[in-house]
């Protein structure tokens, strides 16, 4: 693991518990940007790994498939209940889960809390959504999962908030890219340079 500074004690402890890291956006030419996640929201640490150090990858979609392996106690958490309730709503899309729910599903570590956000990561559909379609989907999402839920629509390393798109407040929308944030007038056909 390559770091700009010494690994915090909590980060080393987390790696000892579970060797999983989260891939971050960024240039992946010769090393992969990753993030280490701790039990506290303030415990985040950026680093890089060599591609040869990767033993396994788990996509957000694959993580979603691990819901069935949760213990009854963990499955009863409101955040996981909400995630399960989203399955029929999003069945027509290729999607998965991010954030603390994804990390717990992949590692088995008890990362999710009763108030954890439900972070949906959706692969950009081939057919763009209209603003009214996005508004309907976000409305249904919020009705099921509450205010702290959003859909991040991704294509490669570029992504945007479906909620921001649905709000239709401006001519352009913020795109997160490997080179940082940029504004785009058409997030559905955005191609990273």
Foldseek 3Di string as FASTA:
>chain_A
DFAPDDDDPQQVVQCVLPVDWAFAFADPPAWTWTWGDGLDPPDIGIGIGGPVPDPDDADQLNLQVLLVVDDPVLCPQLLNVLVVVCCVLCVVFRKGWDDQSSVCSVRVDPRDHSPDATEMETEQDLDHDDLVRLLVSVVVSCVRRNDRYWYWYDDVQKTFTSVVSNVVPDQWGWIQHNVGIDTDNDPSPDDDD
